């Protein structure tokens, strides 16, 4: 049984969007499409390799409890969450085909992700545990969304097609950021200890997996050991140095908020640029143009 589920009026509606064209087959998309930076680009590319398998994992973990949900509003949110996540996986599959053409071992990486998430984690961990991991991963994604898309910097620096793809993905992640958490709290009744354990797990797994894949990509790019060392030094400072992406107060406050016993994802509100993006998408139907509106944030 669930407790009554009421979505606050100011929170955005979860809207599955299909058949969006980001022109990912264009041949002129540069290899280093974000700020002409190997580190920034491969940071995003490494995450993209995780999405098709990762989204299927998240869908499976929420679907485990779908039949126990009796509240129609939460049932609809789960349905829309599944459709959105499915679309994310499909679009990133298309983008990942570009990475394959560059020599990135996407197929091998996906087999590794599948083994750890499905063949190992879902086989040996409880359904509550895997759902808690999903909720924690959704929180980490929400933090990245706020960091990268509540300022115009990423949009200004990135190729418009990839900026549009990631902006669309980010806005939809923000729309459904509370679904897995609500199922975890209201249906699965996951305790605080397991919630925090899963949060620690994703805090370790996310950077470790990303960095290992990035190192593979640097080698595929033909970077020498010295070039890789320079890229890592500069890039890790961008992430963890003074004023870095992961040391900003906006990140730390959002990140640590998950530790509060009374935490809920909507306490952080919606993305500040969401209404700009949504208005342009509804007006033009062009997700690339919608992404470019974030320059005006």
Protein backbone atom coordinates (compact mmCIF):
# COMPACT_ATOMS: atom_id res chain seq x y z
CA UNK A 1 0.00 0.00 0.00
CA UNK A 2 1.15 3.54 -0.68
CA UNK A 3 0.50 6.72 1.19
CA UNK A 4 -1.44 9.36 -0.78
CA UNK A 5 0.83 10.79 -3.45
CA UNK A 6 0.38 14.47 -4.27
CA UNK A 7 2.69 16.16 -6.73
CA UNK A 8 3.15 19.80 -5.73
CA UNK A 9 1.67 22.16 -8.29
CA UNK A 10 4.94 24.03 -8.91
CA UNK A 11 6.86 20.88 -9.81
CA UNK A 12 7.05 20.21 -13.56
CA UNK A 13 5.05 17.50 -15.28
CA UNK A 14 6.89 14.40 -16.48
CA UNK A 15 6.54 14.50 -20.27
CA UNK A 16 7.97 11.66 -22.39
CA UNK A 17 9.27 13.14 -25.64
CA UNK A 18 9.93 10.88 -28.61
CA UNK A 19 11.37 11.16 -32.13
CA UNK A 20 13.53 14.19 -31.34
CA UNK A 21 16.29 14.79 -33.88
CA UNK A 22 19.69 15.91 -32.62
CA UNK A 23 21.45 15.35 -35.97
CA UNK A 24 23.80 12.87 -34.36
CA UNK A 25 24.63 11.38 -37.75
CA UNK A 26 26.18 14.64 -38.94
CA UNK A 27 29.77 14.05 -39.98
CA UNK A 28 31.05 17.46 -38.85
CA UNK A 29 30.54 16.95 -35.11
CA UNK A 30 34.06 17.40 -33.72
CA UNK A 31 35.69 14.65 -31.70
CA UNK A 32 36.26 17.12 -28.85
CA UNK A 33 32.86 18.78 -28.97
CA UNK A 34 32.88 20.40 -25.50
CA UNK A 35 35.13 23.46 -25.25
CA UNK A 36 37.61 21.72 -27.61
CA UNK A 37 38.69 19.91 -24.43
CA UNK A 38 39.64 16.23 -24.41
CA UNK A 39 38.90 15.96 -20.68
CA UNK A 40 35.48 17.67 -20.69
CA UNK A 41 34.37 15.86 -23.83
CA UNK A 42 35.50 12.44 -22.68
CA UNK A 43 33.95 13.06 -19.25
CA UNK A 44 30.56 13.43 -20.95
CA UNK A 45 31.27 10.66 -23.46
CA UNK A 46 32.20 8.23 -20.70
CA UNK A 47 28.87 8.90 -18.98
CA UNK A 48 27.08 8.34 -22.28
CA UNK A 49 28.47 4.81 -22.51
CA UNK A 50 26.77 3.98 -19.19
CA UNK A 51 23.33 5.29 -20.07
CA UNK A 52 21.76 2.55 -22.23
CA UNK A 53 22.50 -0.23 -19.69
CA UNK A 54 22.11 2.09 -16.72
CA UNK A 55 18.68 3.32 -17.79
CA UNK A 56 17.48 -0.29 -18.23
CA UNK A 57 18.76 -1.04 -14.74
CA UNK A 58 16.88 1.93 -13.24
CA UNK A 59 13.69 0.94 -15.06
CA UNK A 60 13.99 -2.63 -13.76
CA UNK A 61 14.53 -1.51 -10.17
CA UNK A 62 11.48 0.78 -10.18
CA UNK A 63 9.38 -1.77 -12.05
CA UNK A 64 10.05 -4.30 -9.25
CA UNK A 65 7.57 -2.36 -7.10
CA UNK A 66 5.16 -1.14 -9.75
CA UNK A 67 2.48 -3.74 -8.99
CA UNK A 68 2.44 -2.69 -5.34
CA UNK A 69 1.62 0.95 -6.15
CA UNK A 70 -2.05 1.70 -5.61
CA UNK A 71 -1.93 5.47 -6.04
CA UNK A 72 -2.91 6.46 -9.62
CA UNK A 73 -0.72 9.59 -9.63
CA UNK A 74 2.42 7.67 -8.70
CA UNK A 75 1.51 4.92 -11.17
CA UNK A 76 1.36 7.51 -13.95
CA UNK A 77 4.69 9.00 -12.90
CA UNK A 78 6.29 5.55 -13.01
CA UNK A 79 4.89 4.99 -16.51
CA UNK A 80 6.25 8.33 -17.70
CA UNK A 81 9.59 7.72 -15.94
CA UNK A 82 9.97 4.41 -17.79
CA UNK A 83 9.17 6.03 -21.15
CA UNK A 84 11.62 8.87 -20.56
CA UNK A 85 14.42 6.59 -19.45
CA UNK A 86 13.80 4.31 -22.41
CA UNK A 87 14.15 7.25 -24.81
CA UNK A 88 17.37 8.35 -23.11
CA UNK A 89 18.88 4.94 -23.66
CA UNK A 90 17.86 4.91 -27.34
CA UNK A 91 19.33 8.35 -28.10
CA UNK A 92 22.57 7.58 -26.30
CA UNK A 93 22.79 4.28 -28.20
CA UNK A 94 22.79 6.38 -31.37
CA UNK A 95 25.46 8.72 -30.01
CA UNK A 96 27.53 5.82 -28.73
CA UNK A 97 27.67 4.46 -32.28
CA UNK A 98 29.81 7.51 -33.05
CA UNK A 99 32.14 6.54 -30.22
CA UNK A 100 32.41 3.03 -31.69
CA UNK A 101 33.50 4.57 -35.00
CA UNK A 102 36.23 6.40 -33.09
CA UNK A 103 37.53 3.11 -31.75
CA UNK A 104 35.98 3.22 -28.27
CA UNK A 105 35.13 -0.29 -27.04
CA UNK A 106 31.47 0.52 -26.40
CA UNK A 107 30.31 -3.09 -26.76
CA UNK A 108 32.83 -4.38 -24.22
CA UNK A 109 32.00 -1.55 -21.82
CA UNK A 110 28.29 -2.30 -22.04
CA UNK A 111 28.95 -5.98 -21.32
CA UNK A 112 30.91 -4.95 -18.21
CA UNK A 113 28.10 -2.64 -17.05
CA UNK A 114 25.54 -5.38 -17.66
CA UNK A 115 27.56 -7.89 -15.67
CA UNK A 116 27.97 -5.67 -12.61
CA UNK A 117 24.47 -4.18 -12.60
CA UNK A 118 22.34 -7.12 -13.73
CA UNK A 119 24.32 -10.34 -13.42
CA UNK A 120 25.92 -9.44 -10.11
CA UNK A 121 24.13 -6.62 -8.27
CA UNK A 122 20.54 -7.55 -9.12
CA UNK A 123 21.35 -11.23 -8.59
CA UNK A 124 22.89 -10.93 -5.13
CA UNK A 125 21.45 -7.74 -3.63
CA UNK A 126 17.91 -7.28 -2.36
CA UNK A 127 15.33 -5.43 -4.44
CA UNK A 128 15.25 -2.73 -1.76
CA UNK A 129 18.99 -2.29 -2.10
CA UNK A 130 18.95 -1.96 -5.89
CA UNK A 131 16.04 0.51 -5.69
CA UNK A 132 17.96 2.56 -3.12
CA UNK A 133 20.95 2.57 -5.47
CA UNK A 134 18.68 3.80 -8.27
CA UNK A 135 17.29 6.62 -6.11
CA UNK A 136 20.82 7.66 -5.10
CA UNK A 137 21.95 7.59 -8.75
CA UNK A 138 18.98 9.77 -9.70
CA UNK A 139 20.06 12.24 -7.00
CA UNK A 140 23.60 12.34 -8.39
CA UNK A 141 22.17 12.93 -11.86
CA UNK A 142 19.99 15.77 -10.55
CA UNK A 143 23.07 17.43 -9.05
CA UNK A 144 24.89 17.24 -12.38
CA UNK A 145 21.83 18.69 -14.11
CA UNK A 146 21.76 21.71 -11.80
CA UNK A 147 25.52 22.23 -12.09
CA UNK A 148 25.75 22.06 -15.86
CA UNK A 149 22.46 23.52 -17.03
CA UNK A 150 21.55 26.22 -14.53
CA UNK A 151 24.36 28.33 -16.03
CA UNK A 152 25.01 29.06 -19.73
CA UNK A 153 28.65 27.92 -19.61
CA UNK A 154 28.21 24.38 -20.89
CA UNK A 155 25.84 25.45 -23.68
CA UNK A 156 28.17 28.21 -24.81
CA UNK A 157 31.18 25.88 -24.94
CA UNK A 158 29.61 22.80 -26.54
CA UNK A 159 28.63 21.83 -30.06
CA UNK A 160 24.92 22.83 -30.36
CA UNK A 161 23.82 19.30 -31.30
CA UNK A 162 25.43 17.66 -28.29
CA UNK A 163 24.43 20.54 -26.03
CA UNK A 164 20.85 20.04 -27.20
CA UNK A 165 21.00 16.30 -26.52
CA UNK A 166 22.38 16.70 -23.02
CA UNK A 167 20.03 19.59 -22.23
CA UNK A 168 17.01 17.46 -23.23
CA UNK A 169 18.32 14.55 -21.17
CA UNK A 170 18.95 16.87 -18.23
CA UNK A 171 15.53 18.50 -18.29
CA UNK A 172 13.76 15.15 -18.36
CA UNK A 173 15.97 13.84 -15.56
CA UNK A 174 14.92 16.86 -13.55
CA UNK A 175 11.24 16.23 -14.33
CA UNK A 176 11.34 12.67 -12.97
CA UNK A 177 14.03 13.06 -10.31
CA UNK A 178 11.69 12.14 -7.44
CA UNK A 179 10.02 9.04 -8.91
CA UNK A 180 12.51 6.38 -7.78
CA UNK A 181 12.85 8.14 -4.41
CA UNK A 182 9.07 8.18 -3.86
CA UNK A 183 8.78 4.49 -4.74
CA UNK A 184 11.68 3.74 -2.39
CA UNK A 185 10.14 5.69 0.51
CA UNK A 186 6.42 5.13 0.06
CA UNK A 187 6.25 1.64 -1.43
CA UNK A 188 9.46 -0.25 -0.68
CA UNK A 189 9.80 1.39 2.77
CA UNK A 190 13.59 1.46 2.51
CA UNK A 191 15.24 2.48 5.78
CA UNK A 192 17.64 5.36 6.27
CA UNK A 193 20.68 3.09 6.67
CA UNK A 194 20.19 1.38 3.32
CA UNK A 195 19.46 4.70 1.63
CA UNK A 196 22.80 6.09 2.85
CA UNK A 197 24.69 2.89 2.03
CA UNK A 198 23.48 3.13 -1.56
CA UNK A 199 24.41 6.82 -1.63
CA UNK A 200 27.97 5.96 -0.60
CA UNK A 201 28.08 3.22 -3.24
CA UNK A 202 27.07 5.52 -6.09
CA UNK A 203 29.46 8.19 -4.80
CA UNK A 204 32.32 5.73 -5.31
CA UNK A 205 31.04 3.88 -8.38
CA UNK A 206 30.20 6.95 -10.48
CA UNK A 207 33.62 8.66 -10.56
CA UNK A 208 35.56 5.38 -10.61
CA UNK A 209 33.68 3.99 -13.61
CA UNK A 210 33.78 7.33 -15.42
CA UNK A 211 37.51 7.82 -14.94
CA UNK A 212 38.39 4.27 -16.02
CA UNK A 213 36.43 4.69 -19.24
CA UNK A 214 37.96 8.13 -19.85
CA UNK A 215 41.45 6.68 -19.58
CA UNK A 216 40.54 4.09 -22.22
CA UNK A 217 39.20 6.88 -24.45
CA UNK A 218 42.40 8.93 -24.08
CA UNK A 219 44.41 5.92 -25.24
CA UNK A 220 42.05 5.41 -28.18
CA UNK A 221 42.66 9.06 -29.05
CA UNK A 222 46.36 8.29 -29.34
CA UNK A 223 47.38 10.49 -26.44
CA UNK A 224 50.85 9.83 -25.09
CA UNK A 225 51.44 9.15 -21.40
CA UNK A 226 52.61 12.75 -20.99
CA UNK A 227 49.55 14.13 -22.80
CA UNK A 228 47.27 12.01 -20.64
CA UNK A 229 49.03 13.20 -17.48
CA UNK A 230 48.51 16.83 -18.50
CA UNK A 231 44.85 16.18 -19.35
CA UNK A 232 44.23 14.49 -16.00
CA UNK A 233 46.01 17.22 -14.02
CA UNK A 234 44.07 20.03 -15.66
CA UNK A 235 40.82 18.10 -15.73
CA UNK A 236 40.86 16.97 -12.11
CA UNK A 237 41.50 20.57 -11.10
CA UNK A 238 38.43 21.55 -13.14
CA UNK A 239 36.44 18.98 -11.15
CA UNK A 240 37.99 19.12 -7.67
CA UNK A 241 40.17 22.23 -7.50
CA UNK A 242 39.25 25.51 -5.81
CA UNK A 243 35.94 26.57 -7.36
CA UNK A 244 35.83 23.32 -9.32
CA UNK A 245 32.68 21.63 -10.53
CA UNK A 246 32.51 19.29 -7.52
CA UNK A 247 33.77 21.75 -4.89
CA UNK A 248 31.30 24.55 -5.51
CA UNK A 249 28.99 25.27 -2.56
CA UNK A 250 26.03 24.67 -4.88
CA UNK A 251 27.27 21.12 -5.48
CA UNK A 252 28.26 20.31 -1.92
CA UNK A 253 25.01 21.61 -0.45
CA UNK A 254 22.92 19.65 -2.94
CA UNK A 255 25.08 16.53 -2.53
CA UNK A 256 25.06 16.49 1.28
CA UNK A 257 21.33 17.23 1.45
CA UNK A 258 20.72 13.55 0.71
CA UNK A 259 22.09 12.73 4.16
CA UNK A 260 19.25 14.55 5.92
CA UNK A 261 16.66 12.10 7.28
CA UNK A 262 13.83 14.29 5.97
CA UNK A 263 15.31 14.85 2.53
CA UNK A 264 13.14 14.86 -0.60
CA UNK A 265 14.38 15.59 -4.15
CA UNK A 266 11.90 18.40 -4.74
CA UNK A 267 13.33 20.41 -1.86
CA UNK A 268 15.88 21.69 -4.41
CA UNK A 269 13.08 22.82 -6.73
CA UNK A 270 13.18 22.73 -10.50
CA UNK A 271 16.04 23.77 -12.73
CA UNK A 272 16.13 27.55 -13.07
CA UNK A 273 16.41 27.39 -16.87
CA UNK A 274 13.70 24.77 -17.34
CA UNK A 275 10.91 27.15 -18.37
CA UNK A 276 13.13 28.79 -21.01
CA UNK A 277 13.97 25.40 -22.47
CA UNK A 278 10.39 24.12 -22.35
CA UNK A 279 8.89 27.23 -23.96
CA UNK A 280 11.27 27.05 -26.94
CA UNK A 281 10.79 23.30 -27.39
CA UNK A 282 7.01 23.73 -27.39
CA UNK A 283 7.25 26.68 -29.80
CA UNK A 284 9.68 25.22 -32.32
CA UNK A 285 9.71 21.47 -31.71
CA UNK A 286 13.49 21.68 -32.13
CA UNK A 287 15.49 20.30 -29.18
CA UNK A 288 18.72 21.84 -30.48
CA UNK A 289 17.15 25.32 -30.55
CA UNK A 290 15.69 24.66 -27.11
CA UNK A 291 19.15 23.87 -25.79
CA UNK A 292 20.50 27.10 -27.21
CA UNK A 293 17.97 29.17 -25.23
CA UNK A 294 20.00 28.28 -22.13
CA UNK A 295 22.66 30.69 -23.39
CA UNK A 296 20.28 33.42 -22.19
CA UNK A 297 20.10 32.05 -18.66
